[in-house]
Amino acid sequence: MGSLVVVAAAAGAVLTTNVAVAAEPATAVAVSARSLDHQKPLLELATADSKGSFYTLDPAEADRAQREHGFTPKYDSTGITMFDEQVDGSIPVYRLRQKDAFQTYLLSVSEDEIDGLGDRFVNEGVVGYVWSGERDGAMALVRYSKDSDWRVAREGRLDLKLAGFTADGVMGYVPEG
């Protein structure tokens, strides 16, 4: 019989005699821990005219938007996080600003959509990263729209539907919060 190995996992310690089996959960936990290290709250602000939403993971950028452009904090995204760098299984989320409109923004994960909007929107770059597929402990992040107002929220936001927003689709998946 081989030596006993203690495997530490989120569910607790497990004793096993199989070293190969013991290594797998430790690797999975390490990947999850790395992802969690890069998890940041999604900060949502209303534009100065209150007709749009601005998103960032950077508190300094949120402060500048308030100070220099008159944006105000919103709390609809409380509990939603994104990753501040690429993690296993993630895709970038881009922020686009409409060229001919006052403070109109949208988030997109689709390079085809971004390319198609290039004549109307300026790509301001990556805001953060989301997982591209479903996984345990994750929730869907959905983009909603109404006229020229785009919102990012949890799936199934009844208040947005009642306010006339339609779901554009799932952008990706983020840790449940």
C-alpha atoms as a PDB file:
ATOM      1  CA  MET A   1       0.000   0.000   0.000  1.00  0.00           C
ATOM      2  CA  GLY A   2       1.363   3.475  -0.914  1.00  0.00           C
ATOM      3  CA  SER A   3       1.802   6.310   1.505  1.00  0.00           C
ATOM      4  CA  LEU A   4      -1.238   8.345   2.528  1.00  0.00           C
ATOM      5  CA  VAL A   5      -1.593  11.776   1.000  1.00  0.00           C
ATOM      6  CA  VAL A   6      -3.774  14.521   2.455  1.00  0.00           C
ATOM      7  CA  VAL A   7      -5.666  16.495  -0.162  1.00  0.00           C
ATOM      8  CA  ALA A   8      -6.911  19.922   0.924  1.00  0.00           C
ATOM      9  CA  ALA A   9      -9.907  21.102  -1.020  1.00  0.00           C
ATOM     10  CA  ALA A  10     -12.772  23.501  -0.521  1.00  0.00           C
ATOM     11  CA  ALA A  11     -14.864  20.645   0.872  1.00  0.00           C
ATOM     12  CA  GLY A  12     -12.221  19.662   3.449  1.00  0.00           C
ATOM     13  CA  ALA A  13      -9.315  17.250   3.772  1.00  0.00           C
ATOM     14  CA  VAL A  14      -9.444  13.814   2.167  1.00  0.00           C
ATOM     15  CA  LEU A  15      -7.090  10.892   2.766  1.00  0.00           C
ATOM     16  CA  THR A  16      -6.098   8.847  -0.242  1.00  0.00           C
ATOM     17  CA  THR A  17      -3.439   6.311  -1.171  1.00  0.00           C
ATOM     18  CA  ASN A  18      -3.506   7.324  -4.821  1.00  0.00           C
ATOM     19  CA  VAL A  19      -1.003  10.138  -5.391  1.00  0.00           C
ATOM     20  CA  ALA A  20      -2.284  10.786  -8.957  1.00  0.00           C
ATOM     21  CA  VAL A  21      -5.838  11.313  -7.693  1.00  0.00           C
ATOM     22  CA  ALA A  22      -4.538  13.499  -4.884  1.00  0.00           C
ATOM     23  CA  ALA A  23      -2.813  15.852  -7.320  1.00  0.00           C
ATOM     24  CA  GLU A  24      -5.914  16.602  -9.401  1.00  0.00           C
ATOM     25  CA  PRO A  25      -8.055  18.398  -6.768  1.00  0.00           C
ATOM     26  CA  ALA A  26      -5.062  20.428  -5.569  1.00  0.00           C
ATOM     27  CA  THR A  27      -4.517  21.685  -9.151  1.00  0.00           C
ATOM     28  CA  ALA A  28      -8.194  22.517  -9.581  1.00  0.00           C
ATOM     29  CA  VAL A  29      -8.203  24.434  -6.291  1.00  0.00           C
ATOM     30  CA  ALA A  30      -5.062  26.331  -7.307  1.00  0.00           C
ATOM     31  CA  VAL A  31      -6.677  27.421 -10.601  1.00  0.00           C
ATOM     32  CA  SER A  32      -9.784  28.584  -8.757  1.00  0.00           C
ATOM     33  CA  ALA A  33      -7.684  30.445  -6.193  1.00  0.00           C
ATOM     34  CA  ARG A  34      -5.772  32.183  -9.008  1.00  0.00           C
ATOM     35  CA  SER A  35      -9.059  33.234 -10.618  1.00  0.00           C
ATOM     36  CA  LEU A  36     -10.355  34.581  -7.319  1.00  0.00           C
ATOM     37  CA  ASP A  37      -7.186  36.641  -6.876  1.00  0.00           C
ATOM     38  CA  HIS A  38      -8.128  38.546 -10.036  1.00  0.00           C
ATOM     39  CA  GLN A  39     -11.826  38.992  -9.253  1.00  0.00           C
ATOM     40  CA  LYS A  40     -12.833  42.682  -8.952  1.00  0.00           C
ATOM     41  CA  PRO A  41     -16.221  44.319  -8.354  1.00  0.00           C
ATOM     42  CA  LEU A  42     -17.928  45.695 -11.455  1.00  0.00           C
ATOM     43  CA  LEU A  43     -18.492  49.397 -10.768  1.00  0.00           C
ATOM     44  CA  GLU A  44     -21.518  50.908 -12.491  1.00  0.00           C
ATOM     45  CA  LEU A  45     -22.131  54.629 -12.864  1.00  0.00           C
ATOM     46  CA  ALA A  46     -24.974  56.588 -14.436  1.00  0.00           C
ATOM     47  CA  THR A  47     -23.814  59.039 -17.079  1.00  0.00           C
ATOM     48  CA  ALA A  48     -24.245  62.762 -16.342  1.00  0.00           C
ATOM     49  CA  ASP A  49     -27.498  62.879 -18.309  1.00  0.00           C
ATOM     50  CA  SER A  50     -28.704  59.704 -16.521  1.00  0.00           C
ATOM     51  CA  LYS A  51     -29.467  58.148 -19.918  1.00  0.00           C
ATOM     52  CA  GLY A  52     -26.658  55.595 -19.953  1.00  0.00           C
ATOM     53  CA  SER A  53     -24.433  53.388 -17.851  1.00  0.00           C
ATOM     54  CA  PHE A  54     -20.645  53.353 -17.590  1.00  0.00           C
ATOM     55  CA  TYR A  55     -18.767  50.290 -16.315  1.00  0.00           C
ATOM     56  CA  THR A  56     -15.258  49.837 -14.958  1.00  0.00           C
ATOM     57  CA  LEU A  57     -13.287  47.623 -12.579  1.00  0.00           C
ATOM     58  CA  ASP A  58     -10.925  50.491 -11.718  1.00  0.00           C
ATOM     59  CA  PRO A  59     -11.945  52.592  -8.676  1.00  0.00           C
ATOM     60  CA  ALA A  60      -9.633  55.434  -9.821  1.00  0.00           C
ATOM     61  CA  GLU A  61     -11.370  55.537 -13.220  1.00  0.00           C
ATOM     62  CA  ALA A  62     -14.769  55.578 -11.479  1.00  0.00           C
ATOM     63  CA  ASP A  63     -13.610  58.487  -9.293  1.00  0.00           C
ATOM     64  CA  ARG A  64     -12.388  60.428 -12.383  1.00  0.00           C
ATOM     65  CA  ALA A  65     -15.684  59.787 -14.186  1.00  0.00           C
ATOM     66  CA  GLN A  66     -17.541  61.269 -11.219  1.00  0.00           C
ATOM     67  CA  ARG A  67     -15.203  64.216 -10.726  1.00  0.00           C
ATOM     68  CA  GLU A  68     -14.569  65.153 -14.377  1.00  0.00           C
ATOM     69  CA  HIS A  69     -17.776  64.085 -16.141  1.00  0.00           C
ATOM     70  CA  GLY A  70     -20.499  64.229 -13.481  1.00  0.00           C
ATOM     71  CA  PHE A  71     -21.244  60.491 -13.458  1.00  0.00           C
ATOM     72  CA  THR A  72     -22.983  59.124 -10.356  1.00  0.00           C
ATOM     73  CA  PRO A  73     -22.624  55.690  -8.721  1.00  0.00           C
ATOM     74  CA  LYS A  74     -25.362  53.124  -9.274  1.00  0.00           C
ATOM     75  CA  TYR A  75     -25.722  49.982  -7.255  1.00  0.00           C
ATOM     76  CA  ASP A  76     -27.503  47.642  -9.695  1.00  0.00           C
ATOM     77  CA  SER A  77     -24.238  45.760 -10.299  1.00  0.00           C
ATOM     78  CA  THR A  78     -23.502  45.161  -6.607  1.00  0.00           C
ATOM     79  CA  GLY A  79     -22.260  41.595  -6.201  1.00  0.00           C
ATOM     80  CA  ILE A  80     -21.171  41.269  -9.841  1.00  0.00           C
ATOM     81  CA  THR A  81     -17.474  40.773 -10.405  1.00  0.00           C
ATOM     82  CA  MET A  82     -15.198  40.315 -13.402  1.00  0.00           C
ATOM     83  CA  PHE A  83     -11.561  39.346 -13.681  1.00  0.00           C
ATOM     84  CA  ASP A  84      -8.978  42.078 -14.125  1.00  0.00           C
ATOM     85  CA  GLU A  85      -6.778  39.820 -16.257  1.00  0.00           C
ATOM     86  CA  GLN A  86      -7.230  36.783 -18.455  1.00  0.00           C
ATOM     87  CA  VAL A  87      -7.842  33.573 -16.461  1.00  0.00           C
ATOM     88  CA  ASP A  88      -8.379  30.034 -17.746  1.00  0.00           C
ATOM     89  CA  GLY A  89     -11.522  29.848 -19.885  1.00  0.00           C
ATOM     90  CA  SER A  90     -12.111  33.609 -19.970  1.00  0.00           C
ATOM     91  CA  ILE A  91     -12.776  36.070 -22.784  1.00  0.00           C
ATOM     92  CA  PRO A  92     -12.329  39.865 -22.856  1.00  0.00           C
ATOM     93  CA  VAL A  93     -15.211  42.288 -22.343  1.00  0.00           C
ATOM     94  CA  TYR A  94     -14.773  45.513 -24.325  1.00  0.00           C
ATOM     95  CA  ARG A  95     -16.245  48.930 -23.555  1.00  0.00           C
ATOM     96  CA  LEU A  96     -17.455  50.914 -26.551  1.00  0.00           C
ATOM     97  CA  ARG A  97     -18.429  54.599 -26.552  1.00  0.00           C
ATOM     98  CA  GLN A  98     -20.825  55.925 -29.166  1.00  0.00           C
ATOM     99  CA  LYS A  99     -19.075  58.571 -31.304  1.00  0.00           C
ATOM    100  CA  ASP A 100     -21.960  60.952 -31.976  1.00  0.00           C
ATOM    101  CA  ALA A 101     -23.866  60.633 -28.702  1.00  0.00           C
ATOM    102  CA  PHE A 102     -23.342  62.181 -25.318  1.00  0.00           C
ATOM    103  CA  GLN A 103     -21.900  59.596 -22.914  1.00  0.00           C
ATOM    104  CA  THR A 104     -23.400  56.462 -24.464  1.00  0.00           C
ATOM    105  CA  TYR A 105     -21.573  53.199 -23.726  1.00  0.00           C
ATOM    106  CA  LEU A 106     -22.043  49.490 -24.300  1.00  0.00           C
ATOM    107  CA  LEU A 107     -20.100  46.382 -23.338  1.00  0.00           C
ATOM    108  CA  SER A 108     -19.457  43.585 -25.824  1.00  0.00           C
ATOM    109  CA  VAL A 109     -17.612  40.269 -25.997  1.00  0.00           C
ATOM    110  CA  SER A 110     -18.212  39.798 -29.736  1.00  0.00           C
ATOM    111  CA  GLU A 111     -15.385  40.886 -32.016  1.00  0.00           C
ATOM    112  CA  ASP A 112     -17.796  40.660 -34.984  1.00  0.00           C
ATOM    113  CA  GLU A 113     -20.207  43.032 -33.234  1.00  0.00           C
ATOM    114  CA  ILE A 114     -17.369  45.416 -32.328  1.00  0.00           C
ATOM    115  CA  ASP A 115     -16.094  45.415 -35.932  1.00  0.00           C
ATOM    116  CA  GLY A 116     -19.631  46.005 -37.211  1.00  0.00           C
ATOM    117  CA  LEU A 117     -20.087  48.985 -34.876  1.00  0.00           C
ATOM    118  CA  GLY A 118     -16.718  50.545 -35.749  1.00  0.00           C
ATOM    119  CA  ASP A 119     -18.281  53.389 -37.749  1.00  0.00           C
ATOM    120  CA  ARG A 120     -20.527  54.396 -34.811  1.00  0.00           C
ATOM    121  CA  PHE A 121     -18.518  53.419 -31.710  1.00  0.00           C
ATOM    122  CA  VAL A 122     -14.995  53.888 -30.389  1.00  0.00           C
ATOM    123  CA  ASN A 123     -13.534  50.787 -28.764  1.00  0.00           C
ATOM    124  CA  GLU A 124     -12.132  51.999 -25.426  1.00  0.00           C
ATOM    125  CA  GLY A 125     -10.509  48.625 -24.741  1.00  0.00           C
ATOM    126  CA  VAL A 126     -10.920  45.770 -22.295  1.00  0.00           C
ATOM    127  CA  VAL A 127     -12.904  46.440 -19.128  1.00  0.00           C
ATOM    128  CA  GLY A 128     -12.422  42.949 -17.716  1.00  0.00           C
ATOM    129  CA  TYR A 129     -12.806  39.243 -18.424  1.00  0.00           C
ATOM    130  CA  VAL A 130     -15.637  36.740 -18.012  1.00  0.00           C
ATOM    131  CA  TRP A 131     -15.737  32.985 -18.398  1.00  0.00           C
ATOM    132  CA  SER A 132     -16.922  31.987 -21.868  1.00  0.00           C
ATOM    133  CA  GLY A 133     -18.934  28.977 -20.666  1.00  0.00           C
ATOM    134  CA  GLU A 134     -21.055  27.809 -17.784  1.00  0.00           C
ATOM    135  CA  ARG A 135     -19.358  26.327 -14.723  1.00  0.00           C
ATOM    136  CA  ASP A 136     -20.159  25.492 -11.116  1.00  0.00           C
ATOM    137  CA  GLY A 137     -20.371  28.570  -8.906  1.00  0.00           C
ATOM    138  CA  ALA A 138     -20.973  30.931 -11.832  1.00  0.00           C
ATOM    139  CA  MET A 139     -23.936  33.016 -12.952  1.00  0.00           C
ATOM    140  CA  ALA A 140     -24.820  34.361 -16.385  1.00  0.00           C
ATOM    141  CA  LEU A 141     -24.015  37.990 -17.141  1.00  0.00           C
ATOM    142  CA  VAL A 142     -26.514  39.425 -19.627  1.00  0.00           C
ATOM    143  CA  ARG A 143     -26.543  42.614 -21.668  1.00  0.00           C
ATOM    144  CA  TYR A 144     -29.912  44.382 -21.818  1.00  0.00           C
ATOM    145  CA  SER A 145     -30.846  47.252 -24.114  1.00  0.00           C
ATOM    146  CA  LYS A 146     -33.502  49.905 -24.584  1.00  0.00           C
ATOM    147  CA  ASP A 147     -33.058  52.586 -27.241  1.00  0.00           C
ATOM    148  CA  SER A 148     -29.436  53.747 -26.776  1.00  0.00           C
ATOM    149  CA  ASP A 149     -29.124  52.544 -23.179  1.00  0.00           C
ATOM    150  CA  TRP A 150     -27.223  49.312 -22.558  1.00  0.00           C
ATOM    151  CA  ARG A 151     -27.056  47.627 -19.178  1.00  0.00           C
ATOM    152  CA  VAL A 152     -25.128  44.638 -17.879  1.00  0.00           C
ATOM    153  CA  ALA A 153     -26.816  42.622 -15.154  1.00  0.00           C
ATOM    154  CA  ARG A 154     -27.638  39.209 -13.768  1.00  0.00           C
ATOM    155  CA  GLU A 155     -29.855  37.018 -15.907  1.00  0.00           C
ATOM    156  CA  GLY A 156     -33.581  37.385 -15.259  1.00  0.00           C
ATOM    157  CA  ARG A 157     -33.752  41.014 -14.062  1.00  0.00           C
ATOM    158  CA  LEU A 158     -37.530  41.525 -14.004  1.00  0.00           C
ATOM    159  CA  ASP A 159     -37.191  45.241 -13.207  1.00  0.00           C
ATOM    160  CA  LEU A 160     -35.292  45.821 -16.461  1.00  0.00           C
ATOM    161  CA  LYS A 161     -37.871  43.858 -18.452  1.00  0.00           C
ATOM    162  CA  LEU A 162     -40.705  45.865 -16.868  1.00  0.00           C
ATOM    163  CA  ALA A 163     -38.827  49.085 -17.746  1.00  0.00           C
ATOM    164  CA  GLY A 164     -38.861  48.047 -21.421  1.00  0.00           C
ATOM    165  CA  PHE A 165     -35.357  46.584 -21.747  1.00  0.00           C
ATOM    166  CA  THR A 166     -34.786  43.475 -23.833  1.00  0.00           C
ATOM    167  CA  ALA A 167     -32.110  40.886 -23.187  1.00  0.00           C
ATOM    168  CA  ASP A 168     -29.472  41.013 -25.940  1.00  0.00           C
ATOM    169  CA  GLY A 169     -28.001  37.744 -24.709  1.00  0.00           C
ATOM    170  CA  VAL A 170     -25.535  36.176 -22.324  1.00  0.00           C
ATOM    171  CA  MET A 171     -22.128  37.865 -22.469  1.00  0.00           C
ATOM    172  CA  GLY A 172     -20.419  35.246 -20.345  1.00  0.00           C
ATOM    173  CA  TYR A 173     -20.303  33.901 -16.818  1.00  0.00           C
ATOM    174  CA  VAL A 174     -18.977  35.413 -13.606  1.00  0.00           C
ATOM    175  CA  PRO A 175     -18.538  34.094 -10.076  1.00  0.00           C
ATOM    176  CA  GLU A 176     -21.832  34.027  -8.169  1.00  0.00           C
ATOM    177  CA  GLY A 177     -22.123  36.967  -5.860  1.00  0.00           C
END
